[in-house]
């Protein structure tokens, strides 16, 4: 069946996982004295995990989530805060 309507999907559990990973990475970078915004942007653009500290196992955890999932969570949260 072909439709002209926009399909909607929900990530659900993946969003929660992405949120937890972002929060964990944020906390780890704050504790180590890094600027988490700069570090996360560097990671999301380049894919280089060296941007994320290994403190609190943040690097290992963030690599388990696809970068597009992390971006989806960031955009979703940003837009919800702007309502």
C-alpha atoms as a PDB file:
ATOM      1  CA  UNK A   1       0.000   0.000   0.000  1.00  0.00           C
ATOM      2  CA  UNK A   2       1.412   3.390  -1.026  1.00  0.00           C
ATOM      3  CA  UNK A   3       0.531   6.422   1.043  1.00  0.00           C
ATOM      4  CA  UNK A   4       1.283  10.113   0.813  1.00  0.00           C
ATOM      5  CA  UNK A   5       1.131  10.488   4.574  1.00  0.00           C
ATOM      6  CA  UNK A   6       4.250  10.952   6.644  1.00  0.00           C
ATOM      7  CA  UNK A   7       5.106   7.873   8.646  1.00  0.00           C
ATOM      8  CA  UNK A   8       5.815   8.341  12.338  1.00  0.00           C
ATOM      9  CA  UNK A   9       7.971   6.097  14.436  1.00  0.00           C
ATOM     10  CA  UNK A  10       9.016   6.080  18.054  1.00  0.00           C
ATOM     11  CA  UNK A  11      12.394   4.941  19.216  1.00  0.00           C
ATOM     12  CA  UNK A  12      11.244   4.368  22.799  1.00  0.00           C
ATOM     13  CA  UNK A  13      13.881   2.386  24.648  1.00  0.00           C
ATOM     14  CA  UNK A  14      16.624   3.654  22.359  1.00  0.00           C
ATOM     15  CA  UNK A  15      15.853   7.248  23.379  1.00  0.00           C
ATOM     16  CA  UNK A  16      16.190   6.334  27.028  1.00  0.00           C
ATOM     17  CA  UNK A  17      19.461   4.555  26.378  1.00  0.00           C
ATOM     18  CA  UNK A  18      20.792   7.517  24.384  1.00  0.00           C
ATOM     19  CA  UNK A  19      19.739   9.922  27.139  1.00  0.00           C
ATOM     20  CA  UNK A  20      21.489   7.854  29.804  1.00  0.00           C
ATOM     21  CA  UNK A  21      24.669   7.635  27.744  1.00  0.00           C
ATOM     22  CA  UNK A  22      24.690  11.380  27.053  1.00  0.00           C
ATOM     23  CA  UNK A  23      24.117  12.177  30.727  1.00  0.00           C
ATOM     24  CA  UNK A  24      26.866   9.752  31.761  1.00  0.00           C
ATOM     25  CA  UNK A  25      29.329  11.255  29.275  1.00  0.00           C
ATOM     26  CA  UNK A  26      28.367  14.763  30.371  1.00  0.00           C
ATOM     27  CA  UNK A  27      28.961  13.973  34.046  1.00  0.00           C
ATOM     28  CA  UNK A  28      32.262  12.240  33.320  1.00  0.00           C
ATOM     29  CA  UNK A  29      33.545  15.183  31.281  1.00  0.00           C
ATOM     30  CA  UNK A  30      32.459  17.713  33.926  1.00  0.00           C
ATOM     31  CA  UNK A  31      34.280  15.702  36.603  1.00  0.00           C
ATOM     32  CA  UNK A  32      37.436  15.623  34.484  1.00  0.00           C
ATOM     33  CA  UNK A  33      37.277  19.359  33.706  1.00  0.00           C
ATOM     34  CA  UNK A  34      36.390  19.099  30.019  1.00  0.00           C
ATOM     35  CA  UNK A  35      33.808  21.191  28.178  1.00  0.00           C
ATOM     36  CA  UNK A  36      31.150  18.542  27.476  1.00  0.00           C
ATOM     37  CA  UNK A  37      29.500  20.505  24.657  1.00  0.00           C
ATOM     38  CA  UNK A  38      32.753  20.828  22.709  1.00  0.00           C
ATOM     39  CA  UNK A  39      33.702  17.223  23.386  1.00  0.00           C
ATOM     40  CA  UNK A  40      30.310  15.804  22.385  1.00  0.00           C
ATOM     41  CA  UNK A  41      30.185  17.895  19.208  1.00  0.00           C
ATOM     42  CA  UNK A  42      33.687  16.721  18.301  1.00  0.00           C
ATOM     43  CA  UNK A  43      32.657  13.114  18.803  1.00  0.00           C
ATOM     44  CA  UNK A  44      29.369  13.425  16.926  1.00  0.00           C
ATOM     45  CA  UNK A  45      31.004  15.118  13.935  1.00  0.00           C
ATOM     46  CA  UNK A  46      34.137  12.986  13.682  1.00  0.00           C
ATOM     47  CA  UNK A  47      33.155   9.683  15.254  1.00  0.00           C
ATOM     48  CA  UNK A  48      36.488   9.710  17.088  1.00  0.00           C
ATOM     49  CA  UNK A  49      35.886   8.245  20.564  1.00  0.00           C
ATOM     50  CA  UNK A  50      38.988  10.029  21.888  1.00  0.00           C
ATOM     51  CA  UNK A  51      36.755  13.086  22.360  1.00  0.00           C
ATOM     52  CA  UNK A  52      34.991  11.222  25.185  1.00  0.00           C
ATOM     53  CA  UNK A  53      36.798  10.545  28.447  1.00  0.00           C
ATOM     54  CA  UNK A  54      37.102   6.984  29.666  1.00  0.00           C
ATOM     55  CA  UNK A  55      36.194   8.233  33.169  1.00  0.00           C
ATOM     56  CA  UNK A  56      33.020   6.527  34.461  1.00  0.00           C
ATOM     57  CA  UNK A  57      33.302   4.192  31.452  1.00  0.00           C
ATOM     58  CA  UNK A  58      31.772   6.991  29.335  1.00  0.00           C
ATOM     59  CA  UNK A  59      33.776   6.216  26.190  1.00  0.00           C
ATOM     60  CA  UNK A  60      32.834   2.563  26.194  1.00  0.00           C
ATOM     61  CA  UNK A  61      29.162   3.331  26.843  1.00  0.00           C
ATOM     62  CA  UNK A  62      28.842   6.040  24.183  1.00  0.00           C
ATOM     63  CA  UNK A  63      30.349   3.771  21.524  1.00  0.00           C
ATOM     64  CA  UNK A  64      27.510   1.273  22.097  1.00  0.00           C
ATOM     65  CA  UNK A  65      24.946   3.799  20.822  1.00  0.00           C
ATOM     66  CA  UNK A  66      24.873   4.885  17.182  1.00  0.00           C
ATOM     67  CA  UNK A  67      25.749   8.546  16.681  1.00  0.00           C
ATOM     68  CA  UNK A  68      22.481   9.147  14.824  1.00  0.00           C
ATOM     69  CA  UNK A  69      20.581   7.899  17.892  1.00  0.00           C
ATOM     70  CA  UNK A  70      22.494  10.359  20.060  1.00  0.00           C
ATOM     71  CA  UNK A  71      21.702  13.182  17.633  1.00  0.00           C
ATOM     72  CA  UNK A  72      18.022  12.218  17.569  1.00  0.00           C
ATOM     73  CA  UNK A  73      17.892  12.395  21.358  1.00  0.00           C
ATOM     74  CA  UNK A  74      19.638  15.764  21.444  1.00  0.00           C
ATOM     75  CA  UNK A  75      17.341  17.276  18.786  1.00  0.00           C
ATOM     76  CA  UNK A  76      14.211  15.817  20.394  1.00  0.00           C
ATOM     77  CA  UNK A  77      15.156  17.176  23.815  1.00  0.00           C
ATOM     78  CA  UNK A  78      16.105  20.568  22.390  1.00  0.00           C
ATOM     79  CA  UNK A  79      12.811  20.928  20.542  1.00  0.00           C
ATOM     80  CA  UNK A  80      10.767  19.796  23.556  1.00  0.00           C
ATOM     81  CA  UNK A  81      12.476  22.441  25.698  1.00  0.00           C
ATOM     82  CA  UNK A  82      11.631  25.138  23.116  1.00  0.00           C
ATOM     83  CA  UNK A  83       7.849  24.526  23.233  1.00  0.00           C
END
